[in-house]
C-alpha atoms as a PDB file:
ATOM      1  CA  MET A   1     -11.011 -15.875   4.788  1.00  0.00           C
ATOM      2  CA  LYS A   2      -8.412 -15.869   7.570  1.00  0.00           C
ATOM      3  CA  LYS A   3      -5.655 -16.219   4.980  1.00  0.00           C
ATOM      4  CA  LEU A   4      -7.059 -13.275   3.019  1.00  0.00           C
ATOM      5  CA  LEU A   5      -7.291 -11.113   6.135  1.00  0.00           C
ATOM      6  CA  LEU A   6      -3.728 -12.052   7.028  1.00  0.00           C
ATOM      7  CA  ILE A   7      -2.446 -11.083   3.567  1.00  0.00           C
ATOM      8  CA  ILE A   8      -4.312  -7.771   3.534  1.00  0.00           C
ATOM      9  CA  GLY A   9      -3.174  -7.151   7.101  1.00  0.00           C
ATOM     10  CA  CYS A  10       0.433  -7.751   6.044  1.00  0.00           C
ATOM     11  CA  VAL A  11       0.088  -5.364   3.120  1.00  0.00           C
ATOM     12  CA  THR A  12      -1.514  -2.766   5.371  1.00  0.00           C
ATOM     13  CA  LEU A  13       1.263  -3.242   7.891  1.00  0.00           C
ATOM     14  CA  PHE A  14       3.804  -2.888   5.079  1.00  0.00           C
ATOM     15  CA  LEU A  15       2.134   0.344   4.039  1.00  0.00           C
ATOM     16  CA  SER A  16       2.216   1.589   7.583  1.00  0.00           C
ATOM     17  CA  CYS A  17       5.963   1.089   7.686  1.00  0.00           C
ATOM     18  CA  GLN A  18       6.693   2.180   4.116  1.00  0.00           C
ATOM     19  CA  GLU A  19       5.241   3.388   1.062  1.00  0.00           C
ATOM     20  CA  SER A  20       2.081   3.710  -7.064  1.00  0.00           C
ATOM     21  CA  GLY A  21      -1.302   4.862 -11.573  1.00  0.00           C
ATOM     22  CA  GLN A  22      -3.507   7.378 -12.834  1.00  0.00           C
ATOM     23  CA  THR A  23      -3.743  11.028 -11.885  1.00  0.00           C
ATOM     24  CA  THR A  24      -7.444  11.514 -11.245  1.00  0.00           C
ATOM     25  CA  GLY A  25      -9.414  11.318  -7.979  1.00  0.00           C
ATOM     26  CA  LYS A  26     -10.130   7.635  -7.448  1.00  0.00           C
ATOM     27  CA  VAL A  27      -7.436   5.560  -9.024  1.00  0.00           C
ATOM     28  CA  VAL A  28      -8.140   2.129 -10.420  1.00  0.00           C
ATOM     29  CA  THR A  29      -4.709   0.607 -10.435  1.00  0.00           C
ATOM     30  CA  GLU A  30      -3.321  -0.737 -13.651  1.00  0.00           C
ATOM     31  CA  GLU A  31      -0.879  -3.591 -13.643  1.00  0.00           C
ATOM     32  CA  VAL A  32       2.673  -2.456 -13.078  1.00  0.00           C
ATOM     33  CA  SER A  33       5.171  -4.685 -14.794  1.00  0.00           C
ATOM     34  CA  ASP A  34       8.702  -4.560 -13.522  1.00  0.00           C
ATOM     35  CA  THR A  35      11.471  -7.086 -13.525  1.00  0.00           C
ATOM     36  CA  SER A  36      11.963  -6.815  -9.769  1.00  0.00           C
ATOM     37  CA  TYR A  37       9.584  -5.892  -6.995  1.00  0.00           C
ATOM     38  CA  PHE A  38      11.959  -3.362  -5.460  1.00  0.00           C
ATOM     39  CA  GLU A  39      13.810  -0.792  -7.536  1.00  0.00           C
ATOM     40  CA  PRO A  40      17.460  -1.823  -7.653  1.00  0.00           C
ATOM     41  CA  GLY A  41      19.784   0.577  -5.882  1.00  0.00           C
ATOM     42  CA  TYR A  42      17.083   2.330  -3.831  1.00  0.00           C
ATOM     43  CA  GLU A  43      17.312   1.940  -0.054  1.00  0.00           C
ATOM     44  CA  TYR A  44      13.759   1.213   1.118  1.00  0.00           C
ATOM     45  CA  ILE A  45      12.969   2.102   4.709  1.00  0.00           C
ATOM     46  CA  GLN A  46      11.382  -1.309   5.417  1.00  0.00           C
ATOM     47  CA  LEU A  47      14.642  -3.025   4.523  1.00  0.00           C
ATOM     48  CA  LYS A  48      16.695  -0.911   6.915  1.00  0.00           C
ATOM     49  CA  PRO A  49      17.256  -2.150  10.493  1.00  0.00           C
ATOM     50  CA  ASP A  50      15.597  -0.038  13.195  1.00  0.00           C
ATOM     51  CA  SER A  51      18.965   0.694  14.747  1.00  0.00           C
ATOM     52  CA  LEU A  52      20.094   2.455  11.553  1.00  0.00           C
ATOM     53  CA  LYS A  53      16.976   4.561  10.970  1.00  0.00           C
ATOM     54  CA  THR A  54      17.490   8.313  11.104  1.00  0.00           C
ATOM     55  CA  ALA A  55      15.064  11.018  12.224  1.00  0.00           C
ATOM     56  CA  GLU A  56      14.195  11.542   8.526  1.00  0.00           C
ATOM     57  CA  ASP A  57      13.476   7.828   8.181  1.00  0.00           C
ATOM     58  CA  LEU A  58      11.138   7.939  11.172  1.00  0.00           C
ATOM     59  CA  GLU A  59       9.360  10.971   9.695  1.00  0.00           C
ATOM     60  CA  LEU A  60       8.882   9.073   6.420  1.00  0.00           C
ATOM     61  CA  ILE A  61       7.479   6.096   8.321  1.00  0.00           C
ATOM     62  CA  GLU A  62       4.886   8.349   9.965  1.00  0.00           C
ATOM     63  CA  LYS A  63       3.833   9.705   6.561  1.00  0.00           C
ATOM     64  CA  LEU A  64       3.565   6.179   5.184  1.00  0.00           C
ATOM     65  CA  LYS A  65       1.422   5.056   8.108  1.00  0.00           C
ATOM     66  CA  GLU A  66      -1.243   7.492   6.952  1.00  0.00           C
ATOM     67  CA  MET A  67      -1.434   5.983   3.463  1.00  0.00           C
ATOM     68  CA  HIS A  68      -3.776   3.180   4.547  1.00  0.00           C
ATOM     69  CA  THR A  69      -6.517   5.810   4.849  1.00  0.00           C
ATOM     70  CA  HIS A  70      -6.384   6.221   1.061  1.00  0.00           C
ATOM     71  CA  LEU A  71      -7.172   2.566   0.347  1.00  0.00           C
ATOM     72  CA  LYS A  72     -10.783   2.219  -0.737  1.00  0.00           C
ATOM     73  CA  ALA A  73     -13.062  -0.519  -2.035  1.00  0.00           C
ATOM     74  CA  GLU A  74     -14.597   0.229  -5.421  1.00  0.00           C
ATOM     75  CA  ASN A  75     -16.397  -2.294  -7.625  1.00  0.00           C
ATOM     76  CA  ASN A  76     -15.142  -5.014  -5.302  1.00  0.00           C
ATOM     77  CA  LYS A  77     -11.518  -4.015  -5.887  1.00  0.00           C
ATOM     78  CA  VAL A  78      -8.993  -2.182  -3.758  1.00  0.00           C
ATOM     79  CA  VAL A  79      -8.044   1.240  -5.129  1.00  0.00           C
ATOM     80  CA  PHE A  80      -5.621   3.889  -3.937  1.00  0.00           C
ATOM     81  CA  SER A  81      -7.383   7.249  -3.982  1.00  0.00           C
ATOM     82  CA  LEU A  82      -4.307   9.482  -4.212  1.00  0.00           C
ATOM     83  CA  SER A  83      -2.907  10.483  -7.559  1.00  0.00           C
ATOM     84  CA  LYS A  84       0.830  10.231  -8.039  1.00  0.00           C
ATOM     85  CA  GLU A  85       1.134  14.015  -7.800  1.00  0.00           C
ATOM     86  CA  GLU A  86      -0.850  14.141  -4.536  1.00  0.00           C
ATOM     87  CA  PHE A  87       1.255  11.327  -3.143  1.00  0.00           C
ATOM     88  CA  LEU A  88       4.542  13.017  -4.042  1.00  0.00           C
ATOM     89  CA  ALA A  89       3.273  16.334  -2.625  1.00  0.00           C
ATOM     90  CA  LYS A  90       3.150  14.643   0.779  1.00  0.00           C
ATOM     91  CA  GLY A  91       6.938  14.313   0.605  1.00  0.00           C
ATOM     92  CA  ILE A  92       7.072  10.576   0.020  1.00  0.00           C
ATOM     93  CA  PRO A  93       9.457   9.224  -2.643  1.00  0.00           C
ATOM     94  CA  GLU A  94       8.009   7.874  -5.890  1.00  0.00           C
ATOM     95  CA  GLN A  95       9.414   4.387  -5.243  1.00  0.00           C
ATOM     96  CA  TYR A  96       6.802   3.887  -2.512  1.00  0.00           C
ATOM     97  CA  TYR A  97       3.982   4.912  -4.866  1.00  0.00           C
ATOM     98  CA  VAL A  98       5.155   2.229  -7.292  1.00  0.00           C
ATOM     99  CA  LEU A  99       5.244  -0.352  -4.466  1.00  0.00           C
ATOM    100  CA  ILE A 100       1.698   0.520  -3.422  1.00  0.00           C
ATOM    101  CA  GLN A 101       0.506   0.094  -6.998  1.00  0.00           C
ATOM    102  CA  LYS A 102       2.211  -3.309  -7.234  1.00  0.00           C
ATOM    103  CA  ASP A 103       0.680  -4.403  -3.931  1.00  0.00           C
ATOM    104  CA  ILE A 104      -2.802  -3.315  -5.022  1.00  0.00           C
ATOM    105  CA  VAL A 105      -2.491  -5.241  -8.293  1.00  0.00           C
ATOM    106  CA  ASN A 106      -1.486  -8.342  -6.312  1.00  0.00           C
ATOM    107  CA  ILE A 107      -4.301  -7.892  -3.774  1.00  0.00           C
ATOM    108  CA  ASN A 108      -6.924  -7.448  -6.492  1.00  0.00           C
ATOM    109  CA  LYS A 109      -5.640 -10.501  -8.342  1.00  0.00           C
ATOM    110  CA  MET A 110      -5.877 -12.548  -5.159  1.00  0.00           C
ATOM    111  CA  LEU A 111      -9.355 -11.207  -4.364  1.00  0.00           C
ATOM    112  CA  LYS A 112     -10.535 -12.153  -7.850  1.00  0.00           C
ATOM    113  CA  GLU A 113      -8.978 -15.624  -7.649  1.00  0.00           C
ATOM    114  CA  ASN A 114     -10.654 -16.216  -4.280  1.00  0.00           C
ATOM    115  CA  LYS A 115     -13.963 -14.780  -5.546  1.00  0.00           C
ATOM    116  CA  GLU A 116     -14.187 -12.385  -2.613  1.00  0.00           C
ATOM    117  CA  THR A 117     -17.272 -10.188  -2.654  1.00  0.00           C
ATOM    118  CA  ASN A 118     -16.899  -8.171   0.547  1.00  0.00           C
ATOM    119  CA  VAL A 119     -13.755  -6.137  -0.127  1.00  0.00           C
ATOM    120  CA  ASP A 120     -15.059  -3.130   1.806  1.00  0.00           C
ATOM    121  CA  SER A 121     -15.489  -5.115   5.021  1.00  0.00           C
ATOM    122  CA  ILE A 122     -12.087  -6.759   4.541  1.00  0.00           C
ATOM    123  CA  LEU A 123     -10.431  -3.335   4.252  1.00  0.00           C
ATOM    124  CA  LYS A 124     -12.270  -2.059   7.320  1.00  0.00           C
ATOM    125  CA  GLU A 125     -11.248  -5.099   9.351  1.00  0.00           C
ATOM    126  CA  SER A 126      -7.635  -4.783   8.216  1.00  0.00           C
ATOM    127  CA  ALA A 127      -7.558  -1.085   9.125  1.00  0.00           C
ATOM    128  CA  LYS A 128      -9.019  -1.893  12.547  1.00  0.00           C
ATOM    129  CA  ASN A 129      -6.351  -4.542  13.127  1.00  0.00           C
ATOM    130  CA  MET A 130      -3.612  -2.149  12.092  1.00  0.00           C
ATOM    131  CA  ILE A 131      -4.803   0.532  14.488  1.00  0.00           C
ATOM    132  CA  LEU A 132      -4.808  -1.965  17.352  1.00  0.00           C
ATOM    133  CA  LYS A 133      -1.118  -2.766  16.818  1.00  0.00           C
END
């Protein structure tokens, strides 16, 4: 359980520093298959040293921090409740939407493998831990 909380906490922390799908209300994430986790040639904010971050980068980070509020538990799975269009309308690049989708697929796979049944409480605990940091 501690390992699971740590992994979800790390993903939530990643989402808070950065930022994937169907286009209706509650999105049940489909598996995203890509050859690499990060899109080649795109400069992700989480890979950039703090000393090189611009004011625009910091603004993007603040937008990404809010994305954890759109993670929900549904049918004992984690879902991202924003459609791609809603996500992009917030001014966040598409590459972060794709990363979120990949992370959710990985989280749900891990939850299933570990036979977790209390996804809602895990998400709530992770959100609480993120707010405390």
